Structures are given as C-alpha cells and as structure tokens.
Amino acid sequence: MRQSDISKVRSLDLFRDMSDESFEILIHGAFLMSFPAGSDLITEGENSDFLHILIEGSVELFAGWSGHETVMVTLQPVATFILAATIRDAPYLMSARTVSKSSVVLLPSSNVRDVLKQDGTFSNVLLQEMAQCYRAVIKNTKNLKLRSSVERLANYLLRCHRRAGNTPEFDLLVEKKKLASTMGMTPENLSRAIKALKAHGVEISGSKVHLTDVAALERFADPTPLIDQADY
C-alpha cells in the first residue's frame, strides 16, 4: 500500500492502539482497493484468504442455496467481513458484493492470525468485534422469529427515522427488492406490509418514506433495545 493508504488504515479504531511491530506484520501484503457498485468481493465456500474491512461505501453479505439467494445484512463503514472465517481459517459462509462505490482494506488472513497470537491489544479489539457480530446475529434472529413481516418493517422504518435525525421524511437505505430479502420477505409480502402500515402513519412512494404519525408507528412497532438498538 502507499504510505497515505497505510496512514489511513493505521488511524482506524481497529488498529490505532496496536504496537508498530504488529501493525507492520499485519499490513505486509495488504491492499486498499476501490470497487464500483455491484462488484463481487468474496464467494461463499471459498477459502478465507483475506479479512476485508469496509472503510467507505456499503457492502451486502448474501448467501444462496438450491437456486435461491438471500441478503443477510448490509454493512456500513467501518465494518469487518468475515472475521470468524479468518480466525478459524475456514471457508466463507456468505458472499459479499458492493452496493455502492466502496473502499475496502484486504488484510491477509494469515497475518491476522499471526498478530492475534502476539498482540493482546489487537486480540481484545477483535474479540469485541466478534462479540458485536454475535449479538447482531442474535438480534436479527429474534427479529425474524418473534415478529410478523409488518412488525419487522415498522421497526426497520423507525431505525431509518432515527438515523435520518428523526425527520419524518427520508429515503429507504436499500432498494425494495434487497430490503425484502434482508427482512425475510418476498417482494409481494413487502408490498402488502407497506400497505398495512398506512393505518399506522406510514406513506411510501418509491424510495421516499413519509411518517405522518410517528407515535402511532411506535405504538404498533413496540421497539425494544434487546432487538433494535445496535450498541445495546
């Protein structure tokens, strides 16, 4: 990597406090690359040769089986993928592609495992990252199993509302087809859920969302930090 790229990577929270010696080992053979939207980054079932770190743009992780494909999660910076495969030297369980133009750091997985053995600070940082990923999986599973499709959509819209600064008007973060896949719905189910939420103060036209009655939507959605709060 260029020196300017190395400095940019070094400034990330993941690497800021690790020793200089460990950082030099970590970035040996590493890349900082830019990808256009729609670029395939990793493929499910392949060996985990690199730990990817998204620093700009957005990336979706998806999986397929028997001709079916589903979006598992859409990542925003700064995020690692897929850390568990890197640590265990195991195949990727998901594929990844860019949703928008993105900048991604590729760290050789063998470097990551070597540094984990010798740098306690870095090990602790990645332990926290793994714990956060695990808790996110649990929350997503609870969301899918405990809520109806309409309730899942209602809580998603409330999260978008908060991210947009509590404004009643905002854009959906992803296109509807991908949103349906992420939330475990068919596009037809998503369309029916959108219509059902009109009675709870929601108007959606294309990607534009207008919450006409936020209080009514919150009463219906009944959000809880044990599912909906990212850092709880």
Protein backbone atom coordinates (compact mmCIF):
# COMPACT_ATOMS: atom_id res chain seq x y z
CA MET A 1 0.00 0.00 0.00
CA ARG A 2 1.02 3.62 -0.48
CA GLN A 3 2.15 5.46 2.63
CA SER A 4 -1.00 7.60 2.54
CA ASP A 5 -3.09 4.40 2.49
CA ILE A 6 -1.11 2.92 5.38
CA SER A 7 -1.70 6.05 7.46
CA LYS A 8 -5.41 5.89 6.69
CA VAL A 9 -5.62 2.26 7.80
CA ARG A 10 -3.50 2.89 10.90
CA SER A 11 -5.93 5.59 12.05
CA LEU A 12 -8.87 3.14 12.18
CA ASP A 13 -10.07 2.19 15.67
CA LEU A 14 -9.23 -1.46 14.92
CA PHE A 15 -5.51 -0.70 14.61
CA ARG A 16 -4.92 2.58 16.41
CA ASP A 17 -3.66 1.10 19.70
CA MET A 18 -1.75 -1.95 18.47
CA SER A 19 2.05 -1.98 18.51
CA ASP A 20 4.02 -0.72 15.50
CA GLU A 21 5.66 -4.13 15.15
CA SER A 22 2.32 -5.91 14.99
CA PHE A 23 0.92 -3.39 12.53
CA GLU A 24 3.87 -3.92 10.19
CA ILE A 25 3.23 -7.68 10.24
CA LEU A 26 -0.49 -7.13 9.69
CA ILE A 27 -0.22 -4.95 6.60
CA HIS A 28 2.50 -6.94 4.85
CA GLY A 29 0.93 -7.88 1.52
CA ALA A 30 -2.25 -5.92 2.29
CA PHE A 31 -4.25 -3.80 -0.17
CA LEU A 32 -6.53 -0.78 -0.03
CA MET A 33 -8.79 -1.01 -3.06
CA SER A 34 -11.74 0.89 -4.52
CA PHE A 35 -14.60 -1.03 -6.12
CA PRO A 36 -17.58 0.18 -8.18
CA ALA A 37 -21.11 -0.75 -7.17
CA GLY A 38 -22.03 -4.34 -7.92
CA SER A 39 -18.51 -5.75 -7.54
CA ASP A 40 -18.18 -9.29 -6.18
CA LEU A 41 -15.69 -9.34 -3.31
CA ILE A 42 -15.85 -12.85 -1.86
CA THR A 43 -17.71 -16.03 -2.73
CA GLU A 44 -19.45 -18.40 -0.35
CA GLY A 45 -17.47 -21.62 0.13
CA GLU A 46 -14.10 -20.18 -0.90
CA ASN A 47 -11.12 -20.13 1.45
CA SER A 48 -10.86 -17.04 3.63
CA ASP A 49 -7.62 -15.66 2.23
CA PHE A 50 -8.30 -12.09 3.36
CA LEU A 51 -10.04 -10.21 6.13
CA HIS A 52 -11.96 -7.38 4.47
CA ILE A 53 -12.53 -4.05 6.18
CA LEU A 54 -15.06 -1.65 4.68
CA ILE A 55 -13.98 1.96 5.21
CA GLU A 56 -16.13 3.75 2.60
CA GLY A 57 -19.35 2.85 0.78
CA SER A 58 -21.60 -0.12 1.53
CA VAL A 59 -21.43 -3.89 1.10
CA GLU A 60 -24.08 -6.59 1.27
CA LEU A 61 -23.43 -10.09 2.54
CA PHE A 62 -25.62 -12.71 0.89
CA ALA A 63 -25.99 -16.48 0.64
CA GLY A 64 -27.51 -18.93 -1.78
CA TRP A 65 -28.88 -22.46 -1.82
CA SER A 66 -30.66 -24.55 -4.44
CA GLY A 67 -31.23 -21.64 -6.79
CA HIS A 68 -32.36 -19.25 -4.04
CA GLU A 69 -30.47 -16.20 -2.82
CA THR A 70 -31.00 -14.05 0.25
CA VAL A 71 -29.33 -10.90 1.55
CA MET A 72 -28.10 -11.50 5.09
CA VAL A 73 -27.01 -7.99 6.06
CA THR A 74 -25.91 -4.70 4.52
CA LEU A 75 -22.75 -3.25 6.05
CA GLN A 76 -21.81 0.39 6.54
CA PRO A 77 -18.31 1.68 7.43
CA VAL A 78 -16.31 0.82 9.43
CA ALA A 79 -17.01 -2.92 9.38
CA THR A 80 -15.06 -6.16 9.06
CA PHE A 81 -16.15 -9.17 7.00
CA ILE A 82 -15.91 -12.08 7.51
CA LEU A 83 -13.93 -12.20 10.75
CA ALA A 84 -14.95 -15.66 12.02
CA ALA A 85 -13.78 -17.35 8.80
CA THR A 86 -10.44 -15.54 9.01
CA ILE A 87 -9.81 -16.52 12.63
CA ARG A 88 -10.79 -20.17 12.10
CA ASP A 89 -9.11 -20.43 8.67
CA ALA A 90 -12.43 -21.74 7.39
CA PRO A 91 -14.44 -21.21 4.18
CA TYR A 92 -16.67 -18.16 3.86
CA LEU A 93 -20.28 -18.90 4.79
CA MET A 94 -21.50 -15.88 2.84
CA SER A 95 -20.65 -13.99 -0.33
CA ALA A 96 -20.13 -10.23 -0.50
CA ARG A 97 -20.63 -7.53 -3.12
CA THR A 98 -20.59 -3.76 -3.09
CA VAL A 99 -23.88 -1.88 -3.06
CA SER A 100 -22.24 1.47 -3.80
CA LYS A 101 -18.74 2.59 -4.71
CA SER A 102 -16.62 1.33 -1.83
CA SER A 103 -13.11 1.36 -0.40
CA VAL A 104 -12.02 -1.90 1.21
CA VAL A 105 -8.85 -2.93 3.02
CA LEU A 106 -7.78 -6.53 2.35
CA LEU A 107 -5.57 -7.98 5.08
CA PRO A 108 -4.05 -11.44 4.51
CA SER A 109 -5.82 -13.81 6.89
CA SER A 110 -2.56 -15.49 7.86
CA ASN A 111 -1.22 -12.11 9.02
CA VAL A 112 -4.30 -11.55 11.17
CA ARG A 113 -3.92 -14.95 12.85
CA ASP A 114 -0.19 -14.36 13.46
CA VAL A 115 -0.79 -10.97 15.09
CA LEU A 116 -3.65 -12.34 17.21
CA LYS A 117 -1.15 -14.67 18.89
CA GLN A 118 1.26 -11.92 19.92
CA ASP A 119 -0.64 -8.65 20.33
CA GLY A 120 -3.05 -8.59 23.27
CA THR A 121 -4.46 -5.17 22.36
CA PHE A 122 -5.37 -6.28 18.85
CA SER A 123 -6.80 -9.56 20.17
CA ASN A 124 -9.06 -7.64 22.53
CA VAL A 125 -10.27 -5.33 19.75
CA LEU A 126 -11.17 -8.28 17.52
CA LEU A 127 -12.80 -10.07 20.46
CA GLN A 128 -15.06 -7.05 20.92
CA GLU A 129 -15.78 -7.07 17.17
CA MET A 130 -16.69 -10.77 17.28
CA ALA A 131 -18.95 -10.21 20.28
CA GLN A 132 -20.72 -7.38 18.49
CA CYS A 133 -21.22 -9.54 15.38
CA TYR A 134 -22.59 -12.39 17.50
CA ARG A 135 -25.06 -10.12 19.28
CA ALA A 136 -26.17 -8.68 15.95
CA VAL A 137 -26.91 -12.21 14.70
CA ILE A 138 -28.97 -12.97 17.82
CA LYS A 139 -30.97 -9.75 17.46
CA ASN A 140 -31.63 -10.44 13.79
CA THR A 141 -32.78 -13.97 14.58
CA LYS A 142 -35.14 -12.67 17.27
CA ASN A 143 -36.48 -10.09 14.83
CA LEU A 144 -37.22 -12.78 12.23
CA LYS A 145 -38.72 -15.34 14.62
CA LEU A 146 -40.70 -13.14 17.02
CA ARG A 147 -42.22 -10.55 14.68
CA SER A 148 -44.57 -10.58 11.74
CA SER A 149 -43.41 -9.12 8.42
CA VAL A 150 -45.39 -5.94 9.10
CA GLU A 151 -43.80 -5.55 12.55
CA ARG A 152 -40.33 -6.09 11.11
CA LEU A 153 -40.91 -3.39 8.51
CA ALA A 154 -42.32 -0.99 11.10
CA ASN A 155 -39.23 -1.32 13.30
CA TYR A 156 -36.93 -1.00 10.29
CA LEU A 157 -38.60 2.27 9.36
CA LEU A 158 -38.20 3.56 12.92
CA ARG A 159 -34.47 2.77 12.78
CA CYS A 160 -34.20 4.64 9.47
CA HIS A 161 -36.13 7.51 11.05
CA ARG A 162 -33.61 7.75 13.89
CA ARG A 163 -30.60 7.51 11.53
CA ALA A 164 -32.07 10.36 9.48
CA GLY A 165 -32.10 12.64 12.54
CA ASN A 166 -35.74 11.92 13.48
CA THR A 167 -37.03 13.65 10.37
CA PRO A 168 -40.46 12.36 9.23
CA GLU A 169 -39.26 12.19 5.61
CA PHE A 170 -36.33 10.09 4.44
CA ASP A 171 -35.22 7.61 1.77
CA LEU A 172 -35.07 3.85 2.15
CA LEU A 173 -31.44 2.77 2.63
CA VAL A 174 -31.66 -0.02 0.03
CA GLU A 175 -33.88 -0.85 -2.92
CA LYS A 176 -37.11 -2.62 -2.08
CA LYS A 177 -36.14 -5.99 -3.57
CA LYS A 178 -32.99 -6.15 -1.43
CA LEU A 179 -34.88 -4.87 1.61
CA ALA A 180 -37.43 -7.66 1.25
CA SER A 181 -34.66 -10.25 1.03
CA THR A 182 -32.85 -8.89 4.08
CA MET A 183 -36.05 -8.95 6.12
CA GLY A 184 -37.02 -12.49 5.13
CA MET A 185 -39.88 -11.47 2.82
CA THR A 186 -40.82 -11.81 -0.80
CA PRO A 187 -41.29 -8.53 -2.72
CA GLU A 188 -45.02 -9.25 -2.70
CA ASN A 189 -45.05 -9.61 1.10
CA LEU A 190 -43.14 -6.34 1.41
CA SER A 191 -45.69 -4.60 -0.77
CA ARG A 192 -48.52 -5.90 1.43
CA ALA A 193 -46.65 -4.82 4.57
CA ILE A 194 -46.23 -1.30 3.18
CA LYS A 195 -49.97 -1.10 2.53
CA ALA A 196 -50.74 -2.41 6.03
CA LEU A 197 -48.61 0.32 7.63
CA LYS A 198 -50.70 3.10 6.10
CA ALA A 199 -53.05 2.62 9.05
CA HIS A 200 -50.10 3.35 11.37
CA GLY A 201 -48.91 6.61 9.87
CA VAL A 202 -46.65 5.43 7.04
CA GLU A 203 -46.66 6.54 3.41
CA ILE A 204 -44.09 5.09 0.99
CA SER A 205 -43.75 6.07 -2.66
CA GLY A 206 -40.80 4.53 -4.46
CA SER A 207 -37.84 5.01 -2.13
CA LYS A 208 -39.42 8.01 -0.38
CA VAL A 209 -40.84 7.48 3.11
CA HIS A 210 -43.13 9.89 4.93
CA LEU A 211 -44.11 9.15 8.52
CA THR A 212 -47.35 11.03 9.10
CA ASP A 213 -47.76 9.78 12.67
CA VAL A 214 -44.53 8.61 14.35
CA ALA A 215 -46.25 7.99 17.68
CA ALA A 216 -48.76 5.65 16.04
CA LEU A 217 -45.97 3.76 14.30
CA GLU A 218 -44.05 3.38 17.57
CA ARG A 219 -47.13 2.06 19.36
CA PHE A 220 -47.60 -0.56 16.66
CA ALA A 221 -43.91 -1.49 16.28
CA ASP A 222 -43.23 -1.69 20.04
CA PRO A 223 -39.42 -1.44 19.61
CA THR A 224 -37.06 -2.86 22.23
CA PRO A 225 -33.32 -2.27 22.72
CA LEU A 226 -32.90 -6.04 23.06
CA ILE A 227 -33.61 -6.31 19.33
CA ASP A 228 -33.45 -2.86 17.78
CA GLN A 229 -30.60 -0.99 19.50
CA ALA A 230 -27.33 -1.67 17.68
CA ASP A 231 -24.97 -0.92 20.57
CA TYR A 232 -27.06 -2.30 23.46
